[in-house]
Amino acid sequence: MSTLAIRLVGGPTAELEYAGVRFLTDPALSPPGEYAGLTKVTGPAVDVTQAEPIDVVLLSHDQHSDNLDPGGREFLASVGQVATTVEGAQRLGGNATGLEPWAAVELSGRDGQTVTVTAVPAQHGPDGSDEAQGQVHGFLLSGPGLETVYVSGDNASLDVVRAISERAGEIGIAVLFAGAVQLARKFDGAYLTLSSDHAADATKILGVRAVVPVHFEGWTHFTQNADSLRAAFAGNGVSDRLVLLAPGERADL
């Protein structure tokens, strides 16, 4: 039996099904256009409003338009719960639950299993960038007898990945936000998310059996793409763990 069903919607947005709970990561659902200074070049490959209902949105942060654009913001009201940062929940209100790092909430899956959603740290840029970037989270999904799934959110730090791996224990699958985001006006062009090589490094650190990259296509500030990911995972000897989805494609892992 598979642990995780995942379908890439586009950009940072993916549908996840885990123990009967349907999740959506960082909903960027608007059509192509300019959003708060960022340029979106492709729309979502899946109309999530016409799919099965989403139980929980895993929102790494609300303050950047490539993680929550206007269409995604409108969509939040239709889901059961939004798990996000404390600052983000204060801004969003409504069904948003703010979690501190390592705080958790428990959910009941449709198959009767208990799913724990734990917020974990993320560093959206180089060392010292946290205050300027605002709060950002990743998430762990876990449950009795289930493999743990790590959703990184916008994290650029391998030290953060090491700390999560050491504290969380065995993790089976990782959904890594990649794309090597660069903005010339921020931190002298330092990467704000994992580069392809660092995504391969994170795979080794975590010891996972499968990695699904997201957040590498659809916006102009992503500087590395699917080809970069394939090359980096091959060069680091972990191609067998790479599950590279095209927008709209699904995998059962």
Protein backbone atom coordinates (compact mmCIF):
# COMPACT_ATOMS: atom_id res chain seq x y z
CA MET A 1 0.00 0.00 0.00
CA SER A 2 1.20 3.52 -0.74
CA THR A 3 1.85 6.05 2.01
CA LEU A 4 1.22 9.20 0.00
CA ALA A 5 -0.71 10.11 -3.13
CA ILE A 6 0.53 13.37 -4.59
CA ARG A 7 -0.45 15.41 -7.63
CA LEU A 8 1.45 18.52 -8.70
CA VAL A 9 -0.92 21.42 -9.36
CA GLY A 10 1.87 23.84 -10.25
CA GLY A 11 4.53 25.97 -8.59
CA PRO A 12 4.47 25.25 -4.84
CA THR A 13 0.99 23.76 -4.97
CA ALA A 14 0.39 20.02 -4.69
CA GLU A 15 -2.52 17.86 -3.59
CA LEU A 16 -1.52 15.26 -1.00
CA GLU A 17 -3.58 12.41 0.37
CA TYR A 18 -2.26 10.81 3.54
CA ALA A 19 -4.19 8.37 5.73
CA GLY A 20 -7.48 9.57 4.27
CA VAL A 21 -6.79 13.28 4.82
CA ARG A 22 -6.57 15.53 1.76
CA PHE A 23 -4.01 18.32 1.98
CA LEU A 24 -3.03 21.16 -0.36
CA THR A 25 0.34 22.86 -0.11
CA ASP A 26 0.79 26.62 -0.60
CA PRO A 27 -2.12 27.43 -2.93
CA ALA A 28 -1.02 29.52 -5.90
CA LEU A 29 -4.15 29.24 -8.03
CA SER A 30 -4.34 32.48 -10.01
CA PRO A 31 -3.78 32.70 -13.78
CA PRO A 32 -0.51 34.06 -15.19
CA GLY A 33 0.20 37.68 -14.31
CA GLU A 34 2.03 40.04 -11.97
CA TYR A 35 1.40 39.50 -8.26
CA ALA A 36 3.08 41.76 -5.70
CA GLY A 37 6.17 42.16 -7.83
CA LEU A 38 6.50 38.51 -8.86
CA THR A 39 5.69 37.21 -12.35
CA LYS A 40 3.65 34.05 -12.82
CA VAL A 41 3.95 32.50 -16.29
CA THR A 42 1.70 29.43 -16.04
CA GLY A 43 -1.58 28.80 -14.29
CA PRO A 44 -2.54 25.72 -12.27
CA ALA A 45 -2.71 22.46 -14.22
CA VAL A 46 -5.54 21.22 -12.01
CA ASP A 47 -8.75 23.02 -11.05
CA VAL A 48 -8.74 22.19 -7.36
CA THR A 49 -12.18 23.74 -6.94
CA GLN A 50 -13.58 20.89 -9.06
CA ALA A 51 -11.60 18.12 -7.33
CA GLU A 52 -12.43 16.31 -4.10
CA PRO A 53 -12.67 18.72 -1.16
CA ILE A 54 -9.46 19.69 0.61
CA ASP A 55 -9.42 19.08 4.36
CA VAL A 56 -6.31 21.05 5.28
CA VAL A 57 -4.11 23.62 3.55
CA LEU A 58 -0.46 23.43 4.60
CA LEU A 59 0.54 27.07 4.13
CA SER A 60 4.25 27.62 4.72
CA HIS A 61 3.66 31.39 4.81
CA ASP A 62 1.19 33.94 3.55
CA GLN A 63 3.41 36.97 2.92
CA HIS A 64 4.76 36.10 -0.55
CA SER A 65 2.54 35.94 -3.61
CA ASP A 66 4.17 32.86 -5.13
CA ASN A 67 3.04 30.87 -2.08
CA LEU A 68 -0.38 32.45 -1.68
CA ASP A 69 -1.65 34.41 -4.67
CA PRO A 70 -5.12 36.01 -4.91
CA GLY A 71 -6.74 32.84 -6.25
CA GLY A 72 -5.19 30.80 -3.47
CA ARG A 73 -6.23 33.31 -0.85
CA GLU A 74 -9.84 33.13 -2.05
CA PHE A 75 -9.69 29.32 -1.97
CA LEU A 76 -8.75 29.17 1.72
CA ALA A 77 -12.33 29.83 2.85
CA SER A 78 -13.49 26.58 1.21
CA VAL A 79 -11.25 24.22 3.19
CA GLY A 80 -11.69 22.79 6.67
CA GLN A 81 -8.51 24.18 8.18
CA VAL A 82 -5.41 26.16 7.26
CA ALA A 83 -2.24 25.25 9.15
CA THR A 84 0.32 28.04 8.99
CA THR A 85 2.59 30.33 11.03
CA VAL A 86 1.34 32.23 14.04
CA GLU A 87 1.85 35.54 12.25
CA GLY A 88 0.09 34.22 9.16
CA ALA A 89 -2.93 33.00 11.15
CA GLN A 90 -3.24 36.42 12.76
CA ARG A 91 -3.33 38.07 9.35
CA LEU A 92 -5.65 35.52 7.75
CA GLY A 93 -8.11 34.89 10.60
CA GLY A 94 -11.07 32.63 9.86
CA ASN A 95 -10.12 28.95 9.68
CA ALA A 96 -6.36 29.53 10.00
CA THR A 97 -4.51 27.84 12.86
CA GLY A 98 -1.15 29.33 13.80
CA LEU A 99 1.53 26.91 14.96
CA GLU A 100 4.87 27.59 16.57
CA PRO A 101 7.76 25.40 15.38
CA TRP A 102 7.33 21.85 16.70
CA ALA A 103 3.73 22.46 17.76
CA ALA A 104 1.25 19.91 16.43
CA VAL A 105 -2.43 19.36 15.72
CA GLU A 106 -4.19 16.01 15.38
CA LEU A 107 -6.68 15.17 12.65
CA SER A 108 -8.95 12.20 12.04
CA GLY A 109 -8.57 10.58 8.64
CA ARG A 110 -11.47 9.15 6.68
CA ASP A 111 -10.15 5.66 7.37
CA GLY A 112 -10.22 6.24 11.13
CA GLN A 113 -6.49 6.80 11.53
CA THR A 114 -5.08 9.73 13.48
CA VAL A 115 -2.84 12.08 11.53
CA THR A 116 -0.51 14.46 13.32
CA VAL A 117 0.54 17.67 11.55
CA THR A 118 3.65 19.16 13.12
CA ALA A 119 5.05 22.55 12.14
CA VAL A 120 8.82 22.55 11.67
CA PRO A 121 11.33 25.35 11.09
CA ALA A 122 12.22 26.75 7.68
CA GLN A 123 14.77 29.41 6.73
CA HIS A 124 13.68 31.33 3.64
CA GLY A 125 17.11 32.60 2.66
CA PRO A 126 20.69 32.85 3.93
CA ASP A 127 21.64 33.01 7.60
CA GLY A 128 20.28 36.17 9.19
CA SER A 129 17.35 36.54 6.77
CA ASP A 130 14.56 35.41 9.12
CA GLU A 131 13.48 38.85 10.32
CA ALA A 132 13.34 40.31 6.83
CA GLN A 133 11.54 37.30 5.34
CA GLY A 134 9.04 36.78 8.15
CA GLN A 135 7.92 33.51 9.68
CA VAL A 136 8.01 30.44 7.41
CA HIS A 137 7.23 26.82 8.29
CA GLY A 138 7.59 23.35 6.93
CA PHE A 139 5.43 20.44 8.11
CA LEU A 140 5.65 16.80 9.12
CA LEU A 141 2.75 14.41 8.56
CA SER A 142 2.79 11.33 10.77
CA GLY A 143 0.55 8.70 12.29
CA PRO A 144 0.66 5.31 14.05
CA GLY A 145 2.20 2.72 11.75
CA LEU A 146 2.67 5.27 8.94
CA GLU A 147 5.80 6.59 7.27
CA THR A 148 6.47 10.23 8.13
CA VAL A 149 6.23 12.77 5.29
CA TYR A 150 8.25 16.01 5.36
CA VAL A 151 6.97 19.07 3.47
CA SER A 152 9.80 21.60 3.51
CA GLY A 153 8.07 24.87 2.69
CA ASP A 154 10.36 27.63 1.45
CA ASN A 155 13.58 26.54 3.14
CA ALA A 156 17.09 27.21 1.85
CA SER A 157 19.13 25.84 4.78
CA LEU A 158 20.64 22.37 4.99
CA ASP A 159 21.36 23.02 8.67
CA VAL A 160 17.60 23.29 9.17
CA VAL A 161 17.12 20.00 7.31
CA ARG A 162 19.73 18.34 9.55
CA ALA A 163 18.02 19.62 12.70
CA ILE A 164 14.63 18.34 11.54
CA SER A 165 16.07 14.96 10.61
CA GLU A 166 17.76 14.59 14.01
CA ARG A 167 14.65 15.53 15.96
CA ALA A 168 11.98 13.84 13.84
CA GLY A 169 13.68 10.50 13.40
CA GLU A 170 12.97 8.33 10.36
CA ILE A 171 11.26 10.09 7.47
CA GLY A 172 10.06 8.14 4.45
CA ILE A 173 9.09 10.77 1.88
CA ALA A 174 10.02 14.42 1.38
CA VAL A 175 8.23 17.11 -0.62
CA LEU A 176 10.98 19.65 -1.19
CA PHE A 177 10.44 23.23 -2.33
CA ALA A 178 13.27 23.79 -4.79
CA GLY A 179 13.76 26.22 -7.71
CA ALA A 180 16.82 28.08 -6.31
CA VAL A 181 14.76 31.27 -6.01
CA GLN A 182 16.83 34.42 -6.53
CA LEU A 183 15.81 38.05 -6.28
CA ALA A 184 18.59 40.51 -7.05
CA ARG A 185 17.23 43.03 -4.54
CA LYS A 186 17.29 40.54 -1.66
CA PHE A 187 20.43 39.38 0.14
CA ASP A 188 22.73 40.05 -2.85
CA GLY A 189 20.99 37.37 -4.89
CA ALA A 190 21.45 34.56 -2.37
CA TYR A 191 19.18 31.57 -2.88
CA LEU A 192 15.88 31.80 -1.00
CA THR A 193 14.91 28.14 -1.51
CA LEU A 194 16.86 24.93 -2.08
CA SER A 195 19.02 24.75 -5.15
CA SER A 196 18.89 21.49 -7.09
CA ASP A 197 22.20 20.33 -5.59
CA HIS A 198 20.99 21.17 -2.09
CA ALA A 199 17.76 19.28 -2.73
CA ALA A 200 19.91 16.24 -3.54
CA ASP A 201 21.97 16.91 -0.40
CA ALA A 202 18.76 17.13 1.66
CA THR A 203 17.71 13.76 0.25
CA LYS A 204 20.89 12.20 1.64
CA ILE A 205 20.58 13.96 4.99
CA LEU A 206 16.98 12.82 5.45
CA GLY A 207 17.58 9.29 4.23
CA VAL A 208 14.18 9.24 2.55
CA ARG A 209 13.14 6.65 -0.02
CA ALA A 210 11.41 9.22 -2.27
CA VAL A 211 11.61 12.95 -2.91
CA VAL A 212 9.01 14.96 -4.82
CA PRO A 213 10.24 18.45 -5.76
CA VAL A 214 7.75 21.31 -6.09
CA HIS A 215 8.21 25.08 -6.49
CA PHE A 216 10.52 24.91 -9.53
CA GLU A 217 8.31 25.99 -12.44
CA GLY A 218 5.63 28.53 -13.26
CA TRP A 219 7.28 31.73 -11.93
CA THR A 220 10.16 33.73 -13.42
CA HIS A 221 12.17 33.94 -10.18
CA PHE A 222 12.73 30.17 -10.16
CA THR A 223 16.27 29.92 -11.56
CA GLN A 224 16.57 26.10 -11.72
CA ASN A 225 14.13 23.71 -13.32
CA ALA A 226 13.34 20.03 -13.86
CA ASP A 227 16.48 19.50 -15.94
CA SER A 228 18.61 20.98 -13.15
CA LEU A 229 16.98 18.64 -10.64
CA ARG A 230 17.58 15.57 -12.82
CA ALA A 231 21.23 16.52 -13.30
CA ALA A 232 21.81 17.26 -9.62
CA PHE A 233 20.21 14.05 -8.38
CA ALA A 234 22.17 12.04 -10.96
CA GLY A 235 25.42 13.76 -10.04
CA ASN A 236 24.83 13.06 -6.36
CA GLY A 237 23.90 9.41 -6.92
CA VAL A 238 20.28 9.68 -5.75
CA SER A 239 18.36 9.55 -9.04
CA ASP A 240 16.52 6.47 -7.80
CA ARG A 241 14.81 8.56 -5.12
CA LEU A 242 13.69 11.42 -7.39
CA VAL A 243 9.99 11.52 -8.29
CA LEU A 244 9.79 14.40 -10.73
CA LEU A 245 6.20 15.25 -11.64
CA ALA A 246 4.97 17.43 -14.48
CA PRO A 247 2.11 19.79 -13.57
CA GLY A 248 -1.08 17.73 -13.41
CA GLU A 249 0.78 14.45 -12.94
CA ARG A 250 0.12 12.15 -9.96
CA ALA A 251 2.19 9.55 -8.14
CA ASP A 252 1.40 6.99 -5.44
CA LEU A 253 4.39 6.52 -3.18
